[in-house]
Amino acid sequence: MTKTVLVTGGAGFIGSHLIPKLLADGFQVRVLDSLSPQIHGAVARNLEWLEDDGIEFIRGDVTRRTDWERALLDVDAIVHLAAETGTGQSMYEIARYNDVNSQGTALMFDVLGKMNTHRVTRVVLSSSRSIYGEGAYVHPVSGARVYPGARSAEQLRQEQWEPVCPQTGVALQLVATQESDLIQPASIYAATKYAQEDLVRIGCQSMGIGFAMLRLQNVYGERQSLNNPYTGILSIFSTKIRRDSELPLFEDGKESRDFVHVEDVTDALLAALTVAQAPDAAINVGSGVATSVRAVAEELTRAFGKSPNVVVTGQFRIGDIRHNYADISRLQSLLGVTPKVSLADGLQRFAAWVSSQPLPEDQLEKANQELRERKLMN
């Protein structure tokens, strides 16, 4: 019998790359998605692929019980992608982020647990590297692993960008973050993603369902939303590049992230779903390489065939982290996945796709003004 996979949020960026792989692997796919205007625009476009054979589309919301009851009927596995995303916006849209991310996941298990029978044998959660807060560091003298807390507004106002040892004040050495490292969310978004992990772990263990929680780093690539000014730094930059505008860099531009292409992310999601033995664990998904925001801004500009035009603003947002990149050894050992798309190749692919799309409105200043009004940005 052909197995059916429910993909929540499946009409979005990651889902649009994952679902063709699921179909090619022989699965039937059911998609539950609200088609949020913040992600898809006021009128959702380019979704004809959802009409392909093997896909059943349900326009629904993870916060509604009746939608879950319909979506969970006769499915064998769940890939839970649906979530509100974006660090800055989460700091003032607190109830909405909690409702969609935390409560929506709780409702999934509540409905599943109250069904007379169900066939679900695996749940794969799209989690986030944000749950770690700052990444892992090593003390240069003692060699001890150190986990600095969130930087205060006062530290940021004084341009004390780099985390230091809380005890000695000495500068720390950045290292790859491991799944066993300290969890300390620095934003509401991160807190809701960690809540999702606990719900998946406990819910699945209590129901005898295998699971995997993939802690995604900064995912980018073709078909990511170009309309959402609250998340996706590369889509924000791409709009400014196409408009020949300056690229504003927060802090000193040296903050770093682990940029991972969506093809590598969906390979990991597919492996987590199909590997014979459920991992029943959290797994980092990234490139394993730290890249500064300045470097990626300049490389992206060159991918569009233009000269970099970056400006360091010294601005900052409360809840942002300084550095984080993934230790991907567990990704390789448990799922057999090694990222294949280099940043240079991925940015070329992304720029080529963006250039084929309508030029979006530049909404970054509007989003930043909302943060300033709430004293979440200098």
Protein backbone atom coordinates (compact mmCIF):
# COMPACT_ATOMS: atom_id res chain seq x y z
CA MET A 1 0.00 0.00 0.00
CA THR A 2 1.27 3.45 -0.93
CA LYS A 3 2.09 5.50 2.15
CA THR A 4 0.66 8.98 2.65
CA VAL A 5 2.71 11.80 4.17
CA LEU A 6 1.10 14.92 5.61
CA VAL A 7 3.28 18.00 5.04
CA THR A 8 2.11 20.98 7.07
CA GLY A 9 3.11 24.30 5.58
CA GLY A 10 3.87 22.32 2.45
CA ALA A 11 2.96 25.09 0.00
CA GLY A 12 5.90 27.15 1.23
CA PHE A 13 9.55 27.40 0.31
CA ILE A 14 10.88 24.19 1.83
CA GLY A 15 7.76 22.20 1.01
CA SER A 16 7.99 23.11 -2.67
CA HIS A 17 11.39 21.39 -2.80
CA LEU A 18 10.54 18.48 -0.49
CA ILE A 19 7.27 17.34 -2.04
CA PRO A 20 8.70 16.47 -5.50
CA LYS A 21 11.25 14.29 -3.70
CA LEU A 22 8.48 12.57 -1.72
CA LEU A 23 6.52 11.89 -4.91
CA ALA A 24 9.63 10.55 -6.64
CA ASP A 25 10.15 8.24 -3.64
CA GLY A 26 6.67 6.77 -4.11
CA PHE A 27 4.71 8.61 -1.41
CA GLN A 28 1.25 10.12 -1.68
CA VAL A 29 1.31 13.65 -0.24
CA ARG A 30 -1.30 15.65 1.62
CA VAL A 31 -0.56 19.34 2.17
CA LEU A 32 -2.07 21.46 4.94
CA ASP A 33 -1.30 25.16 4.43
CA SER A 34 -3.06 28.44 5.24
CA LEU A 35 -1.35 30.31 2.36
CA SER A 36 -0.38 33.14 4.71
CA PRO A 37 -0.33 36.52 2.87
CA GLN A 38 2.91 37.45 4.67
CA ILE A 39 4.62 34.56 2.90
CA HIS A 40 2.66 34.12 -0.32
CA GLY A 41 1.48 37.69 -0.90
CA ALA A 42 -2.09 39.01 -0.95
CA VAL A 43 -2.86 36.66 -3.85
CA ALA A 44 -0.95 33.37 -3.75
CA ARG A 45 0.74 32.63 -7.07
CA ASN A 46 2.84 29.88 -8.68
CA LEU A 47 1.08 27.10 -6.81
CA GLU A 48 -0.08 25.12 -9.84
CA TRP A 49 2.29 22.33 -8.83
CA LEU A 50 -0.05 21.55 -5.91
CA GLU A 51 -2.49 20.17 -8.51
CA ASP A 52 -0.05 17.44 -9.58
CA ASP A 53 -1.04 13.79 -9.32
CA GLY A 54 -0.26 12.38 -5.91
CA ILE A 55 -0.89 15.67 -4.04
CA GLU A 56 -4.02 16.48 -2.04
CA PHE A 57 -4.15 20.11 -0.95
CA ILE A 58 -6.10 21.30 2.10
CA ARG A 59 -6.25 25.02 2.71
CA GLY A 60 -6.38 25.08 6.47
CA ASP A 61 -4.78 26.33 9.65
CA VAL A 62 -2.77 24.41 12.25
CA THR A 63 -4.59 26.38 14.96
CA ARG A 64 -7.97 24.88 13.99
CA ARG A 65 -8.97 21.46 15.34
CA THR A 66 -11.28 20.65 12.43
CA ASP A 67 -8.47 21.22 9.94
CA TRP A 68 -6.19 18.87 11.86
CA GLU A 69 -8.94 16.24 12.06
CA ARG A 70 -9.30 16.29 8.29
CA ALA A 71 -5.57 16.45 7.59
CA LEU A 72 -4.56 13.58 9.92
CA LEU A 73 -7.08 11.07 8.59
CA ASP A 74 -5.34 8.02 7.12
CA VAL A 75 -1.80 9.40 6.99
CA ASP A 76 1.29 7.33 7.77
CA ALA A 77 3.77 10.08 8.59
CA ILE A 78 3.94 13.82 9.25
CA VAL A 79 6.51 16.39 8.19
CA HIS A 80 5.68 19.43 10.31
CA LEU A 81 6.98 22.54 8.54
CA ALA A 82 4.17 24.98 9.35
CA ALA A 83 5.33 27.81 11.62
CA GLU A 84 5.53 31.54 12.06
CA THR A 85 9.14 32.50 11.43
CA GLY A 86 11.31 35.54 12.12
CA THR A 87 13.16 36.60 15.24
CA GLY A 88 12.34 40.30 15.26
CA GLN A 89 8.62 40.06 14.61
CA SER A 90 8.24 37.33 17.22
CA MET A 91 9.26 39.80 19.94
CA TYR A 92 5.99 41.74 19.57
CA GLU A 93 3.66 39.20 17.91
CA ILE A 94 4.14 36.91 20.89
CA ALA A 95 0.66 35.39 21.15
CA ARG A 96 0.48 34.66 17.41
CA TYR A 97 3.86 32.92 17.35
CA ASN A 98 2.93 30.88 20.40
CA ASP A 99 -0.50 30.03 18.98
CA VAL A 100 0.79 28.82 15.60
CA ASN A 101 4.04 27.19 16.65
CA SER A 102 3.52 25.86 20.17
CA GLN A 103 -0.25 25.47 20.41
CA GLY A 104 -0.56 24.31 16.80
CA THR A 105 1.84 21.45 17.51
CA ALA A 106 0.06 20.62 20.77
CA LEU A 107 -3.23 20.51 18.88
CA MET A 108 -1.76 18.07 16.38
CA PHE A 109 -0.97 15.61 19.17
CA ASP A 110 -4.27 16.27 20.93
CA VAL A 111 -6.21 15.36 17.78
CA LEU A 112 -3.95 12.41 17.03
CA GLY A 113 -4.34 11.07 20.56
CA LYS A 114 -8.13 11.29 20.43
CA MET A 115 -8.51 9.45 17.11
CA ASN A 116 -9.95 5.95 17.43
CA THR A 117 -7.12 4.64 15.29
CA HIS A 118 -4.27 6.22 13.37
CA ARG A 119 -1.45 4.96 11.14
CA VAL A 120 1.21 7.54 11.96
CA THR A 121 4.57 5.88 12.56
CA ARG A 122 6.91 8.87 12.21
CA VAL A 123 6.91 12.63 12.81
CA VAL A 124 9.66 14.87 11.39
CA LEU A 125 9.80 18.39 12.82
CA SER A 126 11.41 21.37 11.16
CA SER A 127 13.07 23.01 14.17
CA SER A 128 15.63 25.81 14.29
CA ARG A 129 19.21 26.55 15.27
CA SER A 130 17.79 29.60 17.08
CA ILE A 131 17.00 27.45 20.12
CA TYR A 132 20.70 27.47 21.05
CA GLY A 133 20.79 31.25 21.32
CA GLU A 134 24.43 32.14 20.90
CA GLY A 135 26.50 29.35 19.44
CA ALA A 136 29.13 27.39 21.30
CA TYR A 137 32.53 28.83 22.21
CA VAL A 138 35.75 27.65 23.81
CA HIS A 139 37.68 29.54 26.48
CA PRO A 140 41.15 30.27 25.01
CA VAL A 141 42.95 29.53 28.28
CA SER A 142 41.05 26.74 30.01
CA GLY A 143 39.69 25.10 26.86
CA ALA A 144 36.30 24.82 28.56
CA ARG A 145 33.17 24.95 26.44
CA VAL A 146 31.31 28.21 27.12
CA TYR A 147 27.73 29.28 26.33
CA PRO A 148 27.37 33.05 26.64
CA GLY A 149 23.90 34.39 27.32
CA ALA A 150 21.98 36.86 25.19
CA ARG A 151 23.69 40.22 24.73
CA SER A 152 21.95 43.01 26.61
CA ALA A 153 20.62 46.18 25.00
CA GLU A 154 23.26 48.13 26.94
CA GLN A 155 26.08 45.95 25.58
CA LEU A 156 24.80 46.43 22.06
CA ARG A 157 24.44 50.19 22.49
CA GLN A 158 28.10 50.27 23.51
CA GLU A 159 28.96 48.21 20.40
CA GLN A 160 30.18 45.29 22.46
CA TRP A 161 29.28 42.92 19.70
CA GLU A 162 31.32 39.83 20.52
CA PRO A 163 30.29 37.57 23.40
CA VAL A 164 32.84 37.24 26.20
CA CYS A 165 33.29 34.75 29.01
CA PRO A 166 30.71 35.59 31.70
CA GLN A 167 33.25 34.84 34.46
CA THR A 168 36.53 36.24 33.16
CA GLY A 169 35.47 38.71 30.43
CA VAL A 170 38.03 37.22 28.04
CA ALA A 171 37.26 36.96 24.30
CA LEU A 172 36.02 33.51 23.30
CA GLN A 173 36.77 31.26 20.33
CA LEU A 174 33.76 30.24 18.22
CA VAL A 175 33.28 26.50 17.58
CA ALA A 176 30.58 24.43 15.87
CA THR A 177 27.43 23.97 17.94
CA GLN A 178 26.57 20.38 18.86
CA GLU A 179 23.12 18.98 19.63
CA SER A 180 24.22 18.32 23.22
CA ASP A 181 25.14 21.98 23.78
CA LEU A 182 23.18 24.28 26.05
CA ILE A 183 19.70 25.33 24.92
CA GLN A 184 18.98 28.98 25.70
CA PRO A 185 16.50 30.65 23.33
CA ALA A 186 17.04 34.42 22.95
CA SER A 187 13.78 35.23 21.14
CA ILE A 188 10.10 34.32 21.34
CA TYR A 189 10.45 32.54 18.00
CA ALA A 190 13.26 30.41 19.40
CA ALA A 191 11.26 29.65 22.55
CA THR A 192 8.32 28.41 20.49
CA LYS A 193 10.56 26.20 18.37
CA TYR A 194 12.02 24.62 21.49
CA ALA A 195 8.50 24.11 22.81
CA GLN A 196 7.69 22.31 19.57
CA GLU A 197 10.64 19.99 20.13
CA ASP A 198 9.47 19.06 23.63
CA LEU A 199 5.94 18.46 22.36
CA VAL A 200 7.18 16.23 19.55
CA ARG A 201 9.57 14.28 21.77
CA ILE A 202 7.09 13.68 24.58
CA GLY A 203 4.06 13.23 22.32
CA CYS A 204 5.77 10.71 20.07
CA GLN A 205 7.32 8.76 22.94
CA SER A 206 3.97 8.46 24.70
CA MET A 207 2.26 7.25 21.50
CA GLY A 208 5.04 4.95 20.30
CA ILE A 209 5.78 7.06 17.22
CA GLY A 210 9.28 7.46 15.81
CA PHE A 211 10.51 11.02 15.38
CA ALA A 212 13.28 13.34 14.25
CA MET A 213 13.73 17.05 15.04
CA LEU A 214 15.89 18.84 12.49
CA ARG A 215 17.50 22.04 13.75
CA LEU A 216 17.82 24.00 10.54
CA GLN A 217 20.42 26.70 10.12
CA ASN A 218 19.83 29.65 7.72
CA VAL A 219 18.00 28.03 4.82
CA TYR A 220 18.09 29.78 1.45
CA GLY A 221 17.44 28.98 -2.18
CA GLU A 222 15.09 29.19 -5.09
CA ARG A 223 11.41 29.85 -4.35
CA GLN A 224 11.92 31.30 -0.89
CA SER A 225 9.47 34.11 -0.13
CA LEU A 226 10.49 37.48 -1.53
CA ASN A 227 7.51 39.18 0.12
CA ASN A 228 8.34 38.61 3.79
CA PRO A 229 10.52 41.40 5.27
CA TYR A 230 10.70 39.71 8.69
CA THR A 231 12.82 36.72 7.73
CA GLY A 232 15.21 35.53 5.02
CA ILE A 233 18.19 37.86 4.90
CA LEU A 234 19.13 36.79 1.37
CA SER A 235 15.68 37.55 -0.04
CA ILE A 236 15.80 40.98 1.67
CA PHE A 237 19.25 41.65 0.23
CA SER A 238 18.23 40.43 -3.24
CA THR A 239 15.45 43.00 -3.50
CA LYS A 240 17.83 45.80 -2.55
CA ILE A 241 20.46 44.58 -5.01
CA ARG A 242 17.93 44.56 -7.85
CA ARG A 243 16.90 48.11 -6.90
CA ASP A 244 20.56 49.24 -6.77
CA SER A 245 20.10 50.19 -3.12
CA GLU A 246 22.68 49.98 -0.37
CA LEU A 247 22.75 46.78 1.65
CA PRO A 248 22.48 47.80 5.32
CA LEU A 249 24.48 45.55 7.64
CA PHE A 250 23.52 45.39 11.31
CA GLU A 251 26.17 45.69 14.02
CA ASP A 252 29.59 45.68 12.30
CA GLY A 253 28.66 43.22 9.55
CA LYS A 254 30.91 40.54 11.01
CA GLU A 255 28.17 38.51 12.69
CA SER A 256 28.12 35.04 11.12
CA ARG A 257 25.61 32.39 10.17
CA ASP A 258 25.57 28.92 8.65
CA PHE A 259 23.87 29.22 5.24
CA VAL A 260 22.49 25.92 3.94
CA HIS A 261 20.79 25.42 0.58
CA VAL A 262 17.23 24.14 0.52
CA GLU A 263 18.24 21.09 -1.56
CA ASP A 264 20.48 19.90 1.26
CA VAL A 265 17.75 20.62 3.82
CA THR A 266 15.15 18.61 1.92
CA ASP A 267 17.60 15.73 1.49
CA ALA A 268 17.84 15.69 5.30
CA LEU A 269 14.06 15.84 5.75
CA LEU A 270 13.54 12.97 3.31
CA ALA A 271 16.23 10.88 5.01
CA ALA A 272 14.70 11.53 8.45
CA LEU A 273 11.39 10.28 7.10
CA THR A 274 12.70 7.18 5.31
CA VAL A 275 15.71 5.96 7.31
CA ALA A 276 14.91 2.48 8.59
CA GLN A 277 15.44 3.28 12.27
CA ALA A 278 13.80 6.47 13.48
CA PRO A 279 16.51 8.72 14.96
CA ASP A 280 14.34 9.75 17.94
CA ALA A 281 16.74 12.67 18.33
CA ALA A 282 17.53 16.27 17.46
CA ILE A 283 19.82 16.69 14.45
CA ASN A 284 21.61 19.81 13.22
CA VAL A 285 21.14 20.60 9.53
CA GLY A 286 23.59 23.10 8.08
CA SER A 287 26.64 23.43 5.89
CA GLY A 288 29.00 23.27 8.86
CA VAL A 289 30.60 26.54 7.74
CA ALA A 290 30.31 29.98 9.36
CA THR A 291 30.03 32.91 6.92
CA SER A 292 29.87 36.57 7.91
CA VAL A 293 26.83 38.59 6.88
CA ARG A 294 29.12 41.00 5.06
CA ALA A 295 30.75 38.20 3.07
CA VAL A 296 27.43 36.70 2.02
CA ALA A 297 26.05 40.14 1.08
CA GLU A 298 29.05 40.81 -1.15
CA GLU A 299 29.01 37.33 -2.71
CA LEU A 300 25.28 37.60 -3.44
CA THR A 301 25.77 41.00 -5.10
CA ARG A 302 28.46 39.54 -7.35
CA ALA A 303 26.11 36.65 -8.21
CA PHE A 304 23.77 39.29 -9.66
CA GLY A 305 26.67 40.63 -11.74
CA LYS A 306 26.99 43.84 -9.73
CA SER A 307 29.58 45.45 -7.47
CA PRO A 308 28.95 45.18 -3.73
CA ASN A 309 27.39 48.27 -2.16
CA VAL A 310 27.26 47.53 1.55
CA VAL A 311 27.03 49.95 4.45
CA VAL A 312 27.70 49.05 8.08
CA THR A 313 24.93 50.73 10.09
CA GLY A 314 25.82 49.83 13.68
CA GLN A 315 22.10 49.17 14.20
CA PHE A 316 21.04 46.13 16.17
CA ARG A 317 17.94 44.13 17.05
CA ILE A 318 17.14 42.74 20.48
CA GLY A 319 17.07 38.94 20.29
CA ASP A 320 19.61 38.61 17.47
CA ILE A 321 22.59 36.36 18.09
CA ARG A 322 26.19 37.06 17.10
CA HIS A 323 27.38 33.71 15.77
CA ASN A 324 26.20 30.15 15.22
CA TYR A 325 27.22 27.34 12.92
CA ALA A 326 26.45 23.65 13.07
CA ASP A 327 28.38 20.56 13.93
CA ILE A 328 26.88 18.22 11.31
CA SER A 329 28.45 14.93 12.38
CA ARG A 330 25.10 13.61 13.65
CA LEU A 331 23.46 14.55 10.33
CA GLN A 332 26.04 12.40 8.59
CA SER A 333 26.07 9.48 11.02
CA LEU A 334 22.31 9.13 11.69
CA LEU A 335 20.87 10.20 8.35
CA GLY A 336 23.76 9.60 5.96
CA VAL A 337 23.44 13.13 4.59
CA THR A 338 26.39 15.37 3.69
CA PRO A 339 25.55 18.83 2.26
CA LYS A 340 26.45 19.06 -1.44
CA VAL A 341 25.58 22.63 -2.53
CA SER A 342 28.41 25.09 -1.90
CA LEU A 343 27.54 28.64 -0.90
CA ALA A 344 28.97 30.02 -4.14
CA ASP A 345 26.91 27.64 -6.30
CA GLY A 346 23.82 28.10 -4.16
CA LEU A 347 23.96 31.89 -4.41
CA GLN A 348 24.36 31.68 -8.20
CA ARG A 349 21.26 29.48 -8.39
CA PHE A 350 19.35 31.76 -6.06
CA ALA A 351 20.28 34.91 -7.97
CA ALA A 352 19.29 33.35 -11.30
CA TRP A 353 15.87 32.41 -9.93
CA VAL A 354 15.29 35.78 -8.25
CA SER A 355 16.09 37.55 -11.51
CA SER A 356 13.18 35.69 -13.16
CA GLN A 357 10.67 36.91 -10.55
CA PRO A 358 8.68 40.16 -10.39
CA LEU A 359 10.53 42.89 -8.49
CA PRO A 360 9.03 43.01 -4.98
CA GLU A 361 8.41 46.11 -2.91
CA ASP A 362 11.26 46.89 -0.52
CA GLN A 363 9.56 46.49 2.86
CA LEU A 364 12.63 46.32 5.10
CA GLU A 365 12.32 49.86 6.47
CA LYS A 366 8.67 49.26 7.35
CA ALA A 367 9.62 46.13 9.29
CA ASN A 368 12.49 47.93 11.02
CA GLN A 369 10.24 50.84 12.00
CA GLU A 370 7.88 48.42 13.72
CA LEU A 371 10.83 47.21 15.80
CA ARG A 372 11.94 50.76 16.65
CA GLU A 373 8.47 51.70 17.80
CA ARG A 374 8.60 48.82 20.26
CA LYS A 375 12.16 49.65 21.39
CA LEU A 376 13.46 46.35 19.97
CA MET A 377 15.90 48.03 17.58
CA ASN A 378 18.19 51.02 18.02
